[in-house]
Amino acid sequence: MLNKIVLSMATLRLMSGSIEIIAALLMLRFNQIDKALMVNTGLAMVGPLILLTTTTIGLAGLADKLSYGKMLWVLAGVSCIFIGILKK
């Protein structure tokens, strides 16, 4: 039997991958740089959202196994990822 948390995380990743494939197909269908760029910009919002949601679900599943200190390290790491993504 699959763990519900792992199943949720995998489902989100499958959904994210499907969105990426659909976006690529849309870019090919539109065949215009400006429209492809708009689709790509929409993906820029989906990726970090999926990352944050999947990480949150995983941390919730590990909450009883991790100490507060380790949770803070994980939170700091995720924060660094987002700062790196959002800073230009």
N, C-alpha and C. Protein backbone atom coordinates (compact mmCIF):
# COMPACT_ATOMS: atom_id res chain seq x y z
N MET A 1 0.84 -1.18 0.00
CA MET A 1 0.00 0.00 0.00
C MET A 1 0.88 1.24 0.00
N LEU A 2 0.52 2.21 -0.81
CA LEU A 2 1.29 3.44 -0.92
C LEU A 2 1.01 4.38 0.25
N ASN A 3 2.06 5.04 0.68
CA ASN A 3 1.94 6.07 1.70
C ASN A 3 1.17 7.25 1.10
N LYS A 4 0.20 7.77 1.84
CA LYS A 4 -0.64 8.86 1.33
C LYS A 4 0.17 10.12 1.04
N ILE A 5 1.15 10.39 1.86
CA ILE A 5 1.96 11.58 1.66
C ILE A 5 2.81 11.44 0.39
N VAL A 6 3.43 10.28 0.22
CA VAL A 6 4.23 10.04 -0.99
C VAL A 6 3.34 10.09 -2.22
N LEU A 7 2.15 9.51 -2.13
CA LEU A 7 1.21 9.54 -3.24
C LEU A 7 0.82 10.98 -3.59
N SER A 8 0.59 11.81 -2.58
CA SER A 8 0.25 13.22 -2.81
C SER A 8 1.40 13.96 -3.49
N MET A 9 2.61 13.73 -3.01
CA MET A 9 3.77 14.39 -3.59
C MET A 9 3.97 13.95 -5.05
N ALA A 10 3.86 12.65 -5.30
CA ALA A 10 4.03 12.14 -6.65
C ALA A 10 2.94 12.66 -7.59
N THR A 11 1.71 12.75 -7.08
CA THR A 11 0.61 13.26 -7.90
C THR A 11 0.85 14.70 -8.29
N LEU A 12 1.32 15.51 -7.35
CA LEU A 12 1.64 16.90 -7.67
C LEU A 12 2.73 17.00 -8.74
N ARG A 13 3.74 16.15 -8.62
CA ARG A 13 4.83 16.17 -9.60
C ARG A 13 4.36 15.69 -10.97
N LEU A 14 3.49 14.69 -11.00
CA LEU A 14 2.92 14.25 -12.28
C LEU A 14 2.07 15.35 -12.91
N MET A 15 1.31 16.03 -12.07
CA MET A 15 0.49 17.14 -12.56
C MET A 15 1.39 18.26 -13.10
N SER A 16 2.46 18.55 -12.39
CA SER A 16 3.40 19.59 -12.82
C SER A 16 4.04 19.21 -14.16
N GLY A 17 4.44 17.97 -14.29
CA GLY A 17 5.03 17.51 -15.55
C GLY A 17 4.05 17.57 -16.70
N SER A 18 2.80 17.24 -16.42
CA SER A 18 1.76 17.31 -17.45
C SER A 18 1.54 18.75 -17.90
N ILE A 19 1.56 19.67 -16.94
CA ILE A 19 1.41 21.09 -17.27
C ILE A 19 2.57 21.54 -18.16
N GLU A 20 3.79 21.08 -17.84
CA GLU A 20 4.96 21.43 -18.64
C GLU A 20 4.82 20.91 -20.08
N ILE A 21 4.36 19.68 -20.23
CA ILE A 21 4.19 19.10 -21.57
C ILE A 21 3.11 19.84 -22.35
N ILE A 22 2.00 20.15 -21.68
CA ILE A 22 0.92 20.90 -22.35
C ILE A 22 1.43 22.28 -22.78
N ALA A 23 2.22 22.91 -21.92
CA ALA A 23 2.77 24.23 -22.25
C ALA A 23 3.68 24.14 -23.48
N ALA A 24 4.50 23.11 -23.55
CA ALA A 24 5.38 22.94 -24.71
C ALA A 24 4.56 22.73 -25.98
N LEU A 25 3.50 21.94 -25.88
CA LEU A 25 2.64 21.72 -27.04
C LEU A 25 1.94 23.01 -27.47
N LEU A 26 1.53 23.82 -26.49
CA LEU A 26 0.91 25.11 -26.82
C LEU A 26 1.90 26.03 -27.53
N MET A 27 3.14 26.02 -27.06
CA MET A 27 4.16 26.84 -27.72
C MET A 27 4.32 26.43 -29.18
N LEU A 28 4.36 25.13 -29.40
CA LEU A 28 4.49 24.64 -30.77
C LEU A 28 3.27 24.99 -31.61
N ARG A 29 2.11 24.88 -31.01
CA ARG A 29 0.87 25.18 -31.74
C ARG A 29 0.78 26.66 -32.11
N PHE A 30 1.10 27.54 -31.15
CA PHE A 30 1.03 28.98 -31.43
C PHE A 30 2.09 29.40 -32.44
N ASN A 31 3.29 28.82 -32.34
CA ASN A 31 4.38 29.06 -33.28
C ASN A 31 4.72 30.55 -33.40
N GLN A 32 4.59 31.26 -32.30
CA GLN A 32 4.94 32.68 -32.26
C GLN A 32 5.74 32.95 -30.98
N ILE A 33 6.80 33.70 -31.12
CA ILE A 33 7.70 33.94 -29.99
C ILE A 33 6.98 34.64 -28.84
N ASP A 34 6.17 35.65 -29.13
CA ASP A 34 5.51 36.40 -28.05
C ASP A 34 4.53 35.52 -27.28
N LYS A 35 3.80 34.67 -27.97
CA LYS A 35 2.86 33.79 -27.28
C LYS A 35 3.58 32.69 -26.52
N ALA A 36 4.67 32.19 -27.09
CA ALA A 36 5.46 31.18 -26.40
C ALA A 36 6.06 31.75 -25.12
N LEU A 37 6.48 33.00 -25.19
CA LEU A 37 7.03 33.67 -24.01
C LEU A 37 5.97 33.85 -22.93
N MET A 38 4.74 34.15 -23.33
CA MET A 38 3.65 34.28 -22.37
C MET A 38 3.37 32.94 -21.68
N VAL A 39 3.37 31.86 -22.45
CA VAL A 39 3.16 30.53 -21.87
C VAL A 39 4.29 30.21 -20.91
N ASN A 40 5.51 30.51 -21.31
CA ASN A 40 6.68 30.25 -20.46
C ASN A 40 6.62 31.05 -19.16
N THR A 41 6.14 32.28 -19.25
CA THR A 41 6.01 33.12 -18.06
C THR A 41 5.00 32.52 -17.08
N GLY A 42 3.92 31.97 -17.61
CA GLY A 42 2.95 31.29 -16.76
C GLY A 42 3.56 30.11 -16.04
N LEU A 43 4.45 29.40 -16.72
CA LEU A 43 5.14 28.26 -16.09
C LEU A 43 6.06 28.70 -14.97
N ALA A 44 6.59 29.91 -15.07
CA ALA A 44 7.49 30.41 -14.03
C ALA A 44 6.78 30.54 -12.69
N MET A 45 5.46 30.68 -12.72
CA MET A 45 4.70 30.75 -11.47
C MET A 45 4.32 29.36 -10.97
N VAL A 46 4.12 28.43 -11.87
CA VAL A 46 3.69 27.09 -11.49
C VAL A 46 4.81 26.32 -10.81
N GLY A 47 6.02 26.40 -11.35
CA GLY A 47 7.15 25.63 -10.82
C GLY A 47 7.42 25.86 -9.34
N PRO A 48 7.64 27.11 -8.92
CA PRO A 48 7.88 27.35 -7.49
C PRO A 48 6.70 26.97 -6.60
N LEU A 49 5.50 27.14 -7.11
CA LEU A 49 4.31 26.77 -6.33
C LEU A 49 4.28 25.27 -6.08
N ILE A 50 4.58 24.49 -7.11
CA ILE A 50 4.62 23.03 -6.95
C ILE A 50 5.75 22.63 -6.00
N LEU A 51 6.90 23.28 -6.14
CA LEU A 51 8.03 22.99 -5.24
C LEU A 51 7.65 23.26 -3.79
N LEU A 52 7.05 24.40 -3.55
CA LEU A 52 6.68 24.76 -2.18
C LEU A 52 5.62 23.81 -1.63
N THR A 53 4.63 23.49 -2.43
CA THR A 53 3.55 22.60 -1.97
C THR A 53 4.08 21.20 -1.70
N THR A 54 4.88 20.67 -2.61
CA THR A 54 5.43 19.32 -2.43
C THR A 54 6.34 19.26 -1.21
N THR A 55 7.17 20.28 -1.02
CA THR A 55 8.05 20.33 0.14
C THR A 55 7.24 20.42 1.44
N THR A 56 6.18 21.22 1.42
CA THR A 56 5.34 21.37 2.61
C THR A 56 4.69 20.05 2.98
N ILE A 57 4.17 19.34 1.99
CA ILE A 57 3.55 18.04 2.25
C ILE A 57 4.58 17.07 2.83
N GLY A 58 5.77 17.05 2.23
CA GLY A 58 6.83 16.15 2.73
C GLY A 58 7.25 16.49 4.15
N LEU A 59 7.39 17.77 4.44
CA LEU A 59 7.78 18.18 5.80
C LEU A 59 6.68 17.86 6.80
N ALA A 60 5.43 18.00 6.39
CA ALA A 60 4.33 17.66 7.29
C ALA A 60 4.38 16.17 7.62
N GLY A 61 4.76 15.37 6.65
CA GLY A 61 4.87 13.93 6.89
C GLY A 61 6.04 13.57 7.79
N LEU A 62 7.08 14.39 7.77
CA LEU A 62 8.26 14.12 8.59
C LEU A 62 8.26 14.88 9.91
N ALA A 63 7.26 15.69 10.14
CA ALA A 63 7.25 16.58 11.31
C ALA A 63 7.49 15.84 12.62
N ASP A 64 6.94 14.65 12.74
CA ASP A 64 7.11 13.92 14.00
C ASP A 64 8.47 13.25 14.10
N LYS A 65 9.23 13.18 12.99
CA LYS A 65 10.53 12.50 12.99
C LYS A 65 11.71 13.47 13.03
N LEU A 66 11.46 14.75 12.72
CA LEU A 66 12.54 15.73 12.69
C LEU A 66 12.51 16.62 13.93
N SER A 67 13.70 16.98 14.39
CA SER A 67 13.79 17.92 15.51
C SER A 67 13.52 19.33 14.99
N TYR A 68 13.26 20.24 15.92
CA TYR A 68 13.01 21.62 15.52
C TYR A 68 14.23 22.23 14.82
N GLY A 69 15.41 21.87 15.28
CA GLY A 69 16.63 22.38 14.66
C GLY A 69 16.75 21.95 13.21
N LYS A 70 16.47 20.68 12.93
CA LYS A 70 16.53 20.19 11.56
C LYS A 70 15.44 20.82 10.70
N MET A 71 14.27 21.04 11.26
CA MET A 71 13.19 21.69 10.52
C MET A 71 13.60 23.11 10.14
N LEU A 72 14.29 23.80 11.05
CA LEU A 72 14.77 25.15 10.75
C LEU A 72 15.80 25.13 9.62
N TRP A 73 16.68 24.11 9.60
CA TRP A 73 17.65 24.00 8.52
C TRP A 73 16.96 23.77 7.18
N VAL A 74 15.95 22.92 7.17
CA VAL A 74 15.20 22.67 5.94
C VAL A 74 14.50 23.94 5.49
N LEU A 75 13.87 24.65 6.41
CA LEU A 75 13.20 25.90 6.09
C LEU A 75 14.19 26.93 5.54
N ALA A 76 15.38 26.99 6.14
CA ALA A 76 16.40 27.91 5.65
C ALA A 76 16.83 27.53 4.23
N GLY A 77 16.96 26.25 3.97
CA GLY A 77 17.35 25.79 2.63
C GLY A 77 16.30 26.13 1.59
N VAL A 78 15.04 25.89 1.91
CA VAL A 78 13.95 26.23 0.98
C VAL A 78 13.90 27.73 0.76
N SER A 79 14.11 28.49 1.82
CA SER A 79 14.13 29.96 1.69
C SER A 79 15.24 30.40 0.76
N CYS A 80 16.41 29.79 0.87
CA CYS A 80 17.52 30.14 -0.02
C CYS A 80 17.20 29.82 -1.48
N ILE A 81 16.51 28.72 -1.70
CA ILE A 81 16.10 28.36 -3.07
C ILE A 81 15.19 29.45 -3.63
N PHE A 82 14.21 29.87 -2.85
CA PHE A 82 13.29 30.89 -3.34
C PHE A 82 13.96 32.25 -3.51
N ILE A 83 14.86 32.58 -2.63
CA ILE A 83 15.60 33.85 -2.80
C ILE A 83 16.41 33.79 -4.08
N GLY A 84 17.04 32.65 -4.34
CA GLY A 84 17.83 32.49 -5.57
C GLY A 84 16.97 32.55 -6.82
N ILE A 85 15.77 32.03 -6.75
CA ILE A 85 14.87 32.03 -7.90
C ILE A 85 14.32 33.43 -8.15
N LEU A 86 13.96 34.12 -7.09
CA LEU A 86 13.26 35.40 -7.24
C LEU A 86 14.20 36.59 -7.42
N LYS A 87 15.43 36.50 -6.98
CA LYS A 87 16.37 37.62 -7.13
C LYS A 87 16.90 37.64 -8.55
N LYS A 88 17.06 38.85 -9.08
CA LYS A 88 17.59 38.98 -10.45
C LYS A 88 18.97 39.53 -10.44
